[in-house]
Each structure stands twice: as C-alpha cells, then as structure tokens.
Amino acid sequence: MVKGKKKEKLIKGHQVHEKDTGSPEVQIALLTKRIEELSSHLKKHKKDNHSRRGLIQMVADRRTHLKYLERKHKGRYEAISKKFNLK
C-alpha cells in the first residue's frame, strides 16, 4: 500500500493541474506502484491466492484507465505508457 510521503510524491509527479488527485494519469501511477509492490510480495508468497485476486483486479482497473486515456487523450496516453513501459 502506497502511503504518506511516497504517495504525495507520486501524485505530484503525475498531476495535470495543481489540485489534481484523480486524473487517469495519477490513478495509473498509483495502481502501477501498488501492482509492483504486490508482485514482489507474490514472488515470496506463491500460495497467497487472495492477494493474487486483488492483483488481477488492479491490473484490470489500470487497463480500464489506460483505455480511457487512449480513447480521449492520445498524447497523454502515449506519454504515460512510455513513462511506465506499458504495452
């Protein structure tokens, strides 16, 4: 779980405007960080199927945000996918 200063720094790095906390870019950044953390957890705990289910849900949610960006704002989509090496 991304908390505190890490989360603030992540949000500030991907904001579209000053008070932005919910744009697709911010959501994708937060989900990507959580997916990375959970993936490393699952490498150690291979039989943790409950966490694996959560990981799959997060990946699907991130995919939905990416599809939205691709449909509505092609340039922003390309920038964020390049930044996180997605696709």
PDB file of N, CA and C in Angstrom:
ATOM      1  N   MET A   1       0.846  -1.180   0.000  1.00  0.00           N
ATOM      2  CA  MET A   1       0.000   0.000   0.000  1.00  0.00           C
ATOM      3  C   MET A   1       0.888   1.238   0.000  1.00  0.00           C
ATOM      4  N   VAL A   2       0.630   2.131  -0.908  1.00  0.00           N
ATOM      5  CA  VAL A   2       1.393   3.366  -1.023  1.00  0.00           C
ATOM      6  C   VAL A   2       0.803   4.371  -0.040  1.00  0.00           C
ATOM      7  N   LYS A   3       1.631   4.862   0.882  1.00  0.00           N
ATOM      8  CA  LYS A   3       1.131   5.778   1.913  1.00  0.00           C
ATOM      9  C   LYS A   3       2.043   6.981   2.079  1.00  0.00           C
ATOM     10  N   GLY A   4       1.488   8.020   2.662  1.00  0.00           N
ATOM     11  CA  GLY A   4       2.242   9.177   3.123  1.00  0.00           C
ATOM     12  C   GLY A   4       3.023   9.917   2.070  1.00  0.00           C
ATOM     13  N   LYS A   5       4.281  10.142   2.370  1.00  0.00           N
ATOM     14  CA  LYS A   5       5.159  10.954   1.517  1.00  0.00           C
ATOM     15  C   LYS A   5       5.347  10.334   0.133  1.00  0.00           C
ATOM     16  N   LYS A   6       5.444   8.991   0.075  1.00  0.00           N
ATOM     17  CA  LYS A   6       5.605   8.325  -1.218  1.00  0.00           C
ATOM     18  C   LYS A   6       4.416   8.619  -2.127  1.00  0.00           C
ATOM     19  N   LYS A   7       3.219   8.535  -1.534  1.00  0.00           N
ATOM     20  CA  LYS A   7       2.005   8.764  -2.306  1.00  0.00           C
ATOM     21  C   LYS A   7       1.925  10.216  -2.782  1.00  0.00           C
ATOM     22  N   GLU A   8       2.247  11.153  -1.902  1.00  0.00           N
ATOM     23  CA  GLU A   8       2.234  12.575  -2.270  1.00  0.00           C
ATOM     24  C   GLU A   8       3.213  12.846  -3.410  1.00  0.00           C
ATOM     25  N   LYS A   9       4.401  12.265  -3.313  1.00  0.00           N
ATOM     26  CA  LYS A   9       5.419  12.463  -4.339  1.00  0.00           C
ATOM     27  C   LYS A   9       4.957  11.880  -5.683  1.00  0.00           C
ATOM     28  N   LEU A  10       4.336  10.723  -5.630  1.00  0.00           N
ATOM     29  CA  LEU A  10       3.832  10.076  -6.830  1.00  0.00           C
ATOM     30  C   LEU A  10       2.729  10.907  -7.479  1.00  0.00           C
ATOM     31  N   ILE A  11       1.839  11.446  -6.655  1.00  0.00           N
ATOM     32  CA  ILE A  11       0.748  12.284  -7.160  1.00  0.00           C
ATOM     33  C   ILE A  11       1.309  13.560  -7.778  1.00  0.00           C
ATOM     34  N   LYS A  12       2.240  14.217  -7.082  1.00  0.00           N
ATOM     35  CA  LYS A  12       2.821  15.464  -7.585  1.00  0.00           C
ATOM     36  C   LYS A  12       3.535  15.262  -8.923  1.00  0.00           C
ATOM     37  N   GLY A  13       4.116  14.106  -9.111  1.00  0.00           N
ATOM     38  CA  GLY A  13       4.834  13.819 -10.346  1.00  0.00           C
ATOM     39  C   GLY A  13       3.941  13.578 -11.552  1.00  0.00           C
ATOM     40  N   HIS A  14       2.654  13.323 -11.326  1.00  0.00           N
ATOM     41  CA  HIS A  14       1.764  12.978 -12.433  1.00  0.00           C
ATOM     42  C   HIS A  14       0.513  13.840 -12.514  1.00  0.00           C
ATOM     43  N   GLN A  15       0.469  14.916 -11.731  1.00  0.00           N
ATOM     44  CA  GLN A  15      -0.699  15.792 -11.733  1.00  0.00           C
ATOM     45  C   GLN A  15      -0.853  16.511 -13.063  1.00  0.00           C
ATOM     46  N   VAL A  16      -2.119  16.729 -13.449  1.00  0.00           N
ATOM     47  CA  VAL A  16      -2.409  17.510 -14.643  1.00  0.00           C
ATOM     48  C   VAL A  16      -2.477  18.988 -14.267  1.00  0.00           C
ATOM     49  N   HIS A  17      -3.020  19.272 -13.086  1.00  0.00           N
ATOM     50  CA  HIS A  17      -3.056  20.635 -12.548  1.00  0.00           C
ATOM     51  C   HIS A  17      -2.766  20.589 -11.054  1.00  0.00           C
ATOM     52  N   GLU A  18      -2.694  21.728 -10.407  1.00  0.00           N
ATOM     53  CA  GLU A  18      -2.206  21.831  -9.026  1.00  0.00           C
ATOM     54  C   GLU A  18      -2.974  20.979  -8.013  1.00  0.00           C
ATOM     55  N   LYS A  19      -4.295  20.968  -8.079  1.00  0.00           N
ATOM     56  CA  LYS A  19      -5.088  20.248  -7.078  1.00  0.00           C
ATOM     57  C   LYS A  19      -5.572  18.887  -7.566  1.00  0.00           C
ATOM     58  N   ASP A  20      -4.917  18.363  -8.569  1.00  0.00           N
ATOM     59  CA  ASP A  20      -5.331  17.108  -9.199  1.00  0.00           C
ATOM     60  C   ASP A  20      -4.927  15.902  -8.355  1.00  0.00           C
ATOM     61  N   THR A  21      -5.898  15.067  -8.002  1.00  0.00           N
ATOM     62  CA  THR A  21      -5.597  13.807  -7.316  1.00  0.00           C
ATOM     63  C   THR A  21      -6.309  12.631  -7.965  1.00  0.00           C
ATOM     64  N   GLY A  22      -7.153  12.888  -8.963  1.00  0.00           N
ATOM     65  CA  GLY A  22      -7.954  11.802  -9.514  1.00  0.00           C
ATOM     66  C   GLY A  22      -7.906  11.650 -11.017  1.00  0.00           C
ATOM     67  N   SER A  23      -7.000  12.331 -11.686  1.00  0.00           N
ATOM     68  CA  SER A  23      -6.920  12.189 -13.139  1.00  0.00           C
ATOM     69  C   SER A  23      -6.440  10.778 -13.486  1.00  0.00           C
ATOM     70  N   PRO A  24      -6.698  10.334 -14.712  1.00  0.00           N
ATOM     71  CA  PRO A  24      -6.257   8.987 -15.093  1.00  0.00           C
ATOM     72  C   PRO A  24      -4.756   8.769 -14.905  1.00  0.00           C
ATOM     73  N   GLU A  25      -3.949   9.805 -15.165  1.00  0.00           N
ATOM     74  CA  GLU A  25      -2.501   9.657 -15.004  1.00  0.00           C
ATOM     75  C   GLU A  25      -2.120   9.346 -13.560  1.00  0.00           C
ATOM     76  N   VAL A  26      -2.748  10.054 -12.619  1.00  0.00           N
ATOM     77  CA  VAL A  26      -2.472   9.832 -11.195  1.00  0.00           C
ATOM     78  C   VAL A  26      -2.940   8.434 -10.794  1.00  0.00           C
ATOM     79  N   GLN A  27      -4.129   8.053 -11.245  1.00  0.00           N
ATOM     80  CA  GLN A  27      -4.662   6.733 -10.908  1.00  0.00           C
ATOM     81  C   GLN A  27      -3.772   5.627 -11.460  1.00  0.00           C
ATOM     82  N   ILE A  28      -3.311   5.787 -12.688  1.00  0.00           N
ATOM     83  CA  ILE A  28      -2.434   4.782 -13.298  1.00  0.00           C
ATOM     84  C   ILE A  28      -1.117   4.693 -12.532  1.00  0.00           C
ATOM     85  N   ALA A  29      -0.567   5.835 -12.137  1.00  0.00           N
ATOM     86  CA  ALA A  29       0.694   5.848 -11.392  1.00  0.00           C
ATOM     87  C   ALA A  29       0.542   5.125 -10.049  1.00  0.00           C
ATOM     88  N   LEU A  30      -0.538   5.421  -9.332  1.00  0.00           N
ATOM     89  CA  LEU A  30      -0.767   4.780  -8.036  1.00  0.00           C
ATOM     90  C   LEU A  30      -0.991   3.278  -8.196  1.00  0.00           C
ATOM     91  N   LEU A  31      -1.788   2.900  -9.180  1.00  0.00           N
ATOM     92  CA  LEU A  31      -2.044   1.473  -9.412  1.00  0.00           C
ATOM     93  C   LEU A  31      -0.764   0.754  -9.821  1.00  0.00           C
ATOM     94  N   THR A  32       0.056   1.378 -10.649  1.00  0.00           N
ATOM     95  CA  THR A  32       1.308   0.752 -11.085  1.00  0.00           C
ATOM     96  C   THR A  32       2.224   0.492  -9.896  1.00  0.00           C
ATOM     97  N   LYS A  33       2.323   1.467  -8.997  1.00  0.00           N
ATOM     98  CA  LYS A  33       3.162   1.296  -7.804  1.00  0.00           C
ATOM     99  C   LYS A  33       2.637   0.159  -6.928  1.00  0.00           C
ATOM    100  N   ARG A  34       1.317   0.120  -6.724  1.00  0.00           N
ATOM    101  CA  ARG A  34       0.729  -0.947  -5.905  1.00  0.00           C
ATOM    102  C   ARG A  34       0.904  -2.305  -6.564  1.00  0.00           C
ATOM    103  N   ILE A  35       0.788  -2.358  -7.892  1.00  0.00           N
ATOM    104  CA  ILE A  35       0.973  -3.619  -8.623  1.00  0.00           C
ATOM    105  C   ILE A  35       2.406  -4.113  -8.463  1.00  0.00           C
ATOM    106  N   GLU A  36       3.375  -3.208  -8.546  1.00  0.00           N
ATOM    107  CA  GLU A  36       4.780  -3.592  -8.364  1.00  0.00           C
ATOM    108  C   GLU A  36       5.020  -4.157  -6.969  1.00  0.00           C
ATOM    109  N   GLU A  37       4.460  -3.489  -5.945  1.00  0.00           N
ATOM    110  CA  GLU A  37       4.642  -3.951  -4.570  1.00  0.00           C
ATOM    111  C   GLU A  37       3.998  -5.312  -4.357  1.00  0.00           C
ATOM    112  N   LEU A  38       2.794  -5.490  -4.878  1.00  0.00           N
ATOM    113  CA  LEU A  38       2.089  -6.752  -4.695  1.00  0.00           C
ATOM    114  C   LEU A  38       2.751  -7.878  -5.479  1.00  0.00           C
ATOM    115  N   SER A  39       3.312  -7.561  -6.635  1.00  0.00           N
ATOM    116  CA  SER A  39       4.015  -8.575  -7.427  1.00  0.00           C
ATOM    117  C   SER A  39       5.231  -9.105  -6.678  1.00  0.00           C
ATOM    118  N   SER A  40       5.961  -8.205  -6.024  1.00  0.00           N
ATOM    119  CA  SER A  40       7.129  -8.665  -5.262  1.00  0.00           C
ATOM    120  C   SER A  40       6.688  -9.498  -4.060  1.00  0.00           C
ATOM    121  N   HIS A  41       5.552  -9.151  -3.455  1.00  0.00           N
ATOM    122  CA  HIS A  41       5.011  -9.941  -2.339  1.00  0.00           C
ATOM    123  C   HIS A  41       4.654 -11.350  -2.822  1.00  0.00           C
ATOM    124  N   LEU A  42       4.041 -11.425  -4.002  1.00  0.00           N
ATOM    125  CA  LEU A  42       3.603 -12.732  -4.505  1.00  0.00           C
ATOM    126  C   LEU A  42       4.767 -13.608  -4.961  1.00  0.00           C
ATOM    127  N   LYS A  43       5.909 -13.007  -5.252  1.00  0.00           N
ATOM    128  CA  LYS A  43       7.078 -13.816  -5.589  1.00  0.00           C
ATOM    129  C   LYS A  43       7.558 -14.601  -4.372  1.00  0.00           C
ATOM    130  N   LYS A  44       7.408 -13.999  -3.186  1.00  0.00           N
ATOM    131  CA  LYS A  44       7.807 -14.674  -1.945  1.00  0.00           C
ATOM    132  C   LYS A  44       6.725 -15.633  -1.451  1.00  0.00           C
ATOM    133  N   HIS A  45       5.466 -15.228  -1.611  1.00  0.00           N
ATOM    134  CA  HIS A  45       4.330 -15.994  -1.073  1.00  0.00           C
ATOM    135  C   HIS A  45       3.487 -16.511  -2.236  1.00  0.00           C
ATOM    136  N   LYS A  46       3.956 -17.596  -2.847  1.00  0.00           N
ATOM    137  CA  LYS A  46       3.354 -18.100  -4.070  1.00  0.00           C
ATOM    138  C   LYS A  46       1.920 -18.604  -3.893  1.00  0.00           C
ATOM    139  N   LYS A  47       1.549 -19.021  -2.706  1.00  0.00           N
ATOM    140  CA  LYS A  47       0.212 -19.586  -2.495  1.00  0.00           C
ATOM    141  C   LYS A  47      -0.810 -18.585  -1.965  1.00  0.00           C
ATOM    142  N   ASP A  48      -0.474 -17.324  -1.953  1.00  0.00           N
ATOM    143  CA  ASP A  48      -1.379 -16.281  -1.459  1.00  0.00           C
ATOM    144  C   ASP A  48      -2.375 -15.906  -2.560  1.00  0.00           C
ATOM    145  N   ASN A  49      -3.408 -16.738  -2.702  1.00  0.00           N
ATOM    146  CA  ASN A  49      -4.358 -16.553  -3.791  1.00  0.00           C
ATOM    147  C   ASN A  49      -5.279 -15.358  -3.586  1.00  0.00           C
ATOM    148  N   HIS A  50      -5.536 -14.958  -2.359  1.00  0.00           N
ATOM    149  CA  HIS A  50      -6.387 -13.795  -2.109  1.00  0.00           C
ATOM    150  C   HIS A  50      -5.699 -12.526  -2.617  1.00  0.00           C
ATOM    151  N   SER A  51      -4.419 -12.399  -2.364  1.00  0.00           N
ATOM    152  CA  SER A  51      -3.681 -11.241  -2.862  1.00  0.00           C
ATOM    153  C   SER A  51      -3.542 -11.294  -4.374  1.00  0.00           C
ATOM    154  N   ARG A  52      -3.419 -12.492  -4.918  1.00  0.00           N
ATOM    155  CA  ARG A  52      -3.314 -12.651  -6.365  1.00  0.00           C
ATOM    156  C   ARG A  52      -4.588 -12.143  -7.044  1.00  0.00           C
ATOM    157  N   ARG A  53      -5.737 -12.407  -6.439  1.00  0.00           N
ATOM    158  CA  ARG A  53      -7.013 -11.933  -6.970  1.00  0.00           C
ATOM    159  C   ARG A  53      -7.058 -10.401  -6.962  1.00  0.00           C
ATOM    160  N   GLY A  54      -6.566  -9.801  -5.873  1.00  0.00           N
ATOM    161  CA  GLY A  54      -6.504  -8.343  -5.797  1.00  0.00           C
ATOM    162  C   GLY A  54      -5.588  -7.764  -6.868  1.00  0.00           C
ATOM    163  N   LEU A  55      -4.478  -8.445  -7.115  1.00  0.00           N
ATOM    164  CA  LEU A  55      -3.536  -8.007  -8.143  1.00  0.00           C
ATOM    165  C   LEU A  55      -4.207  -8.011  -9.517  1.00  0.00           C
ATOM    166  N   ILE A  56      -4.934  -9.066  -9.811  1.00  0.00           N
ATOM    167  CA  ILE A  56      -5.618  -9.164 -11.099  1.00  0.00           C
ATOM    168  C   ILE A  56      -6.653  -8.054 -11.241  1.00  0.00           C
ATOM    169  N   GLN A  57      -7.348  -7.729 -10.166  1.00  0.00           N
ATOM    170  CA  GLN A  57      -8.327  -6.641 -10.202  1.00  0.00           C
ATOM    171  C   GLN A  57      -7.649  -5.299 -10.450  1.00  0.00           C
ATOM    172  N   MET A  58      -6.505  -5.072  -9.804  1.00  0.00           N
ATOM    173  CA  MET A  58      -5.775  -3.814 -10.006  1.00  0.00           C
ATOM    174  C   MET A  58      -5.270  -3.687 -11.437  1.00  0.00           C
ATOM    175  N   VAL A  59      -4.790  -4.778 -12.003  1.00  0.00           N
ATOM    176  CA  VAL A  59      -4.303  -4.751 -13.382  1.00  0.00           C
ATOM    177  C   VAL A  59      -5.466  -4.428 -14.320  1.00  0.00           C
ATOM    178  N   ALA A  60      -6.627  -5.011 -14.071  1.00  0.00           N
ATOM    179  CA  ALA A  60      -7.801  -4.737 -14.901  1.00  0.00           C
ATOM    180  C   ALA A  60      -8.242  -3.282 -14.764  1.00  0.00           C
ATOM    181  N   ASP A  61      -8.180  -2.750 -13.554  1.00  0.00           N
ATOM    182  CA  ASP A  61      -8.561  -1.358 -13.313  1.00  0.00           C
ATOM    183  C   ASP A  61      -7.599  -0.408 -14.030  1.00  0.00           C
ATOM    184  N   ARG A  62      -6.308  -0.701 -13.955  1.00  0.00           N
ATOM    185  CA  ARG A  62      -5.314   0.126 -14.646  1.00  0.00           C
ATOM    186  C   ARG A  62      -5.538   0.071 -16.156  1.00  0.00           C
ATOM    187  N   ARG A  63      -5.867  -1.114 -16.643  1.00  0.00           N
ATOM    188  CA  ARG A  63      -6.133  -1.285 -18.072  1.00  0.00           C
ATOM    189  C   ARG A  63      -7.320  -0.425 -18.508  1.00  0.00           C
ATOM    190  N   THR A  64      -8.358  -0.355 -17.666  1.00  0.00           N
ATOM    191  CA  THR A  64      -9.533   0.465 -17.958  1.00  0.00           C
ATOM    192  C   THR A  64      -9.154   1.936 -18.053  1.00  0.00           C
ATOM    193  N   HIS A  65      -8.342   2.404 -17.112  1.00  0.00           N
ATOM    194  CA  HIS A  65      -7.885   3.801 -17.142  1.00  0.00           C
ATOM    195  C   HIS A  65      -7.052   4.067 -18.401  1.00  0.00           C
ATOM    196  N   LEU A  66      -6.213   3.113 -18.777  1.00  0.00           N
ATOM    197  CA  LEU A  66      -5.395   3.280 -19.983  1.00  0.00           C
ATOM    198  C   LEU A  66      -6.261   3.332 -21.243  1.00  0.00           C
ATOM    199  N   LYS A  67      -7.279   2.490 -21.310  1.00  0.00           N
ATOM    200  CA  LYS A  67      -8.180   2.503 -22.464  1.00  0.00           C
ATOM    201  C   LYS A  67      -8.901   3.842 -22.574  1.00  0.00           C
ATOM    202  N   TYR A  68      -9.323   4.387 -21.431  1.00  0.00           N
ATOM    203  CA  TYR A  68      -9.987   5.683 -21.418  1.00  0.00           C
ATOM    204  C   TYR A  68      -9.052   6.757 -21.970  1.00  0.00           C
ATOM    205  N   LEU A  69      -7.827   6.782 -21.473  1.00  0.00           N
ATOM    206  CA  LEU A  69      -6.862   7.777 -21.943  1.00  0.00           C
ATOM    207  C   LEU A  69      -6.579   7.617 -23.435  1.00  0.00           C
ATOM    208  N   GLU A  70      -6.470   6.383 -23.879  1.00  0.00           N
ATOM    209  CA  GLU A  70      -6.188   6.129 -25.293  1.00  0.00           C
ATOM    210  C   GLU A  70      -7.332   6.660 -26.162  1.00  0.00           C
ATOM    211  N   ARG A  71      -8.548   6.499 -25.690  1.00  0.00           N
ATOM    212  CA  ARG A  71      -9.729   6.955 -26.427  1.00  0.00           C
ATOM    213  C   ARG A  71      -9.862   8.471 -26.434  1.00  0.00           C
ATOM    214  N   LYS A  72      -9.649   9.105 -25.276  1.00  0.00           N
ATOM    215  CA  LYS A  72      -9.943  10.527 -25.113  1.00  0.00           C
ATOM    216  C   LYS A  72      -8.741  11.447 -25.352  1.00  0.00           C
ATOM    217  N   HIS A  73      -7.548  11.039 -24.903  1.00  0.00           N
ATOM    218  CA  HIS A  73      -6.358  11.901 -24.956  1.00  0.00           C
ATOM    219  C   HIS A  73      -5.157  11.076 -25.419  1.00  0.00           C
ATOM    220  N   LYS A  74      -5.024  10.910 -26.715  1.00  0.00           N
ATOM    221  CA  LYS A  74      -3.988  10.044 -27.285  1.00  0.00           C
ATOM    222  C   LYS A  74      -2.573  10.447 -26.852  1.00  0.00           C
ATOM    223  N   GLY A  75      -2.283  11.733 -26.820  1.00  0.00           N
ATOM    224  CA  GLY A  75      -0.949  12.199 -26.446  1.00  0.00           C
ATOM    225  C   GLY A  75      -0.606  11.882 -25.008  1.00  0.00           C
ATOM    226  N   ARG A  76      -1.560  12.120 -24.110  1.00  0.00           N
ATOM    227  CA  ARG A  76      -1.346  11.820 -22.684  1.00  0.00           C
ATOM    228  C   ARG A  76      -1.189  10.318 -22.482  1.00  0.00           C
ATOM    229  N   TYR A  77      -1.933   9.519 -23.248  1.00  0.00           N
ATOM    230  CA  TYR A  77      -1.832   8.059 -23.165  1.00  0.00           C
ATOM    231  C   TYR A  77      -0.432   7.601 -23.558  1.00  0.00           C
ATOM    232  N   GLU A  78       0.067   8.121 -24.666  1.00  0.00           N
ATOM    233  CA  GLU A  78       1.391   7.719 -25.142  1.00  0.00           C
ATOM    234  C   GLU A  78       2.477   8.114 -24.154  1.00  0.00           C
ATOM    235  N   ALA A  79       2.325   9.298 -23.538  1.00  0.00           N
ATOM    236  CA  ALA A  79       3.324   9.759 -22.560  1.00  0.00           C
ATOM    237  C   ALA A  79       3.360   8.854 -21.340  1.00  0.00           C
ATOM    238  N   ILE A  80       2.197   8.515 -20.804  1.00  0.00           N
ATOM    239  CA  ILE A  80       2.160   7.700 -19.578  1.00  0.00           C
ATOM    240  C   ILE A  80       2.578   6.259 -19.866  1.00  0.00           C
ATOM    241  N   SER A  81       2.201   5.723 -21.030  1.00  0.00           N
ATOM    242  CA  SER A  81       2.588   4.348 -21.339  1.00  0.00           C
ATOM    243  C   SER A  81       4.095   4.241 -21.571  1.00  0.00           C
ATOM    244  N   LYS A  82       4.692   5.289 -22.140  1.00  0.00           N
ATOM    245  CA  LYS A  82       6.139   5.300 -22.340  1.00  0.00           C
ATOM    246  C   LYS A  82       6.864   5.435 -20.996  1.00  0.00           C
ATOM    247  N   LYS A  83       6.310   6.277 -20.113  1.00  0.00           N
ATOM    248  CA  LYS A  83       6.934   6.516 -18.821  1.00  0.00           C
ATOM    249  C   LYS A  83       7.001   5.251 -17.958  1.00  0.00           C
ATOM    250  N   PHE A  84       5.932   4.442 -18.002  1.00  0.00           N
ATOM    251  CA  PHE A  84       5.879   3.213 -17.190  1.00  0.00           C
ATOM    252  C   PHE A  84       6.176   1.949 -17.973  1.00  0.00           C
ATOM    253  N   ASN A  85       6.591   2.095 -19.233  1.00  0.00           N
ATOM    254  CA  ASN A  85       6.873   0.938 -20.107  1.00  0.00           C
ATOM    255  C   ASN A  85       5.698  -0.023 -20.150  1.00  0.00           C
ATOM    256  N   LEU A  86       4.502   0.500 -20.412  1.00  0.00           N
ATOM    257  CA  LEU A  86       3.312  -0.328 -20.504  1.00  0.00           C
ATOM    258  C   LEU A  86       3.046  -0.651 -21.965  1.00  0.00           C
ATOM    259  N   LYS A  87       2.532  -1.827 -22.205  1.00  0.00           N
ATOM    260  CA  LYS A  87       2.227  -2.364 -23.531  1.00  0.00           C
ATOM    261  C   LYS A  87       3.430  -2.775 -24.273  1.00  0.00           C
TER     262      LYS A  87
END
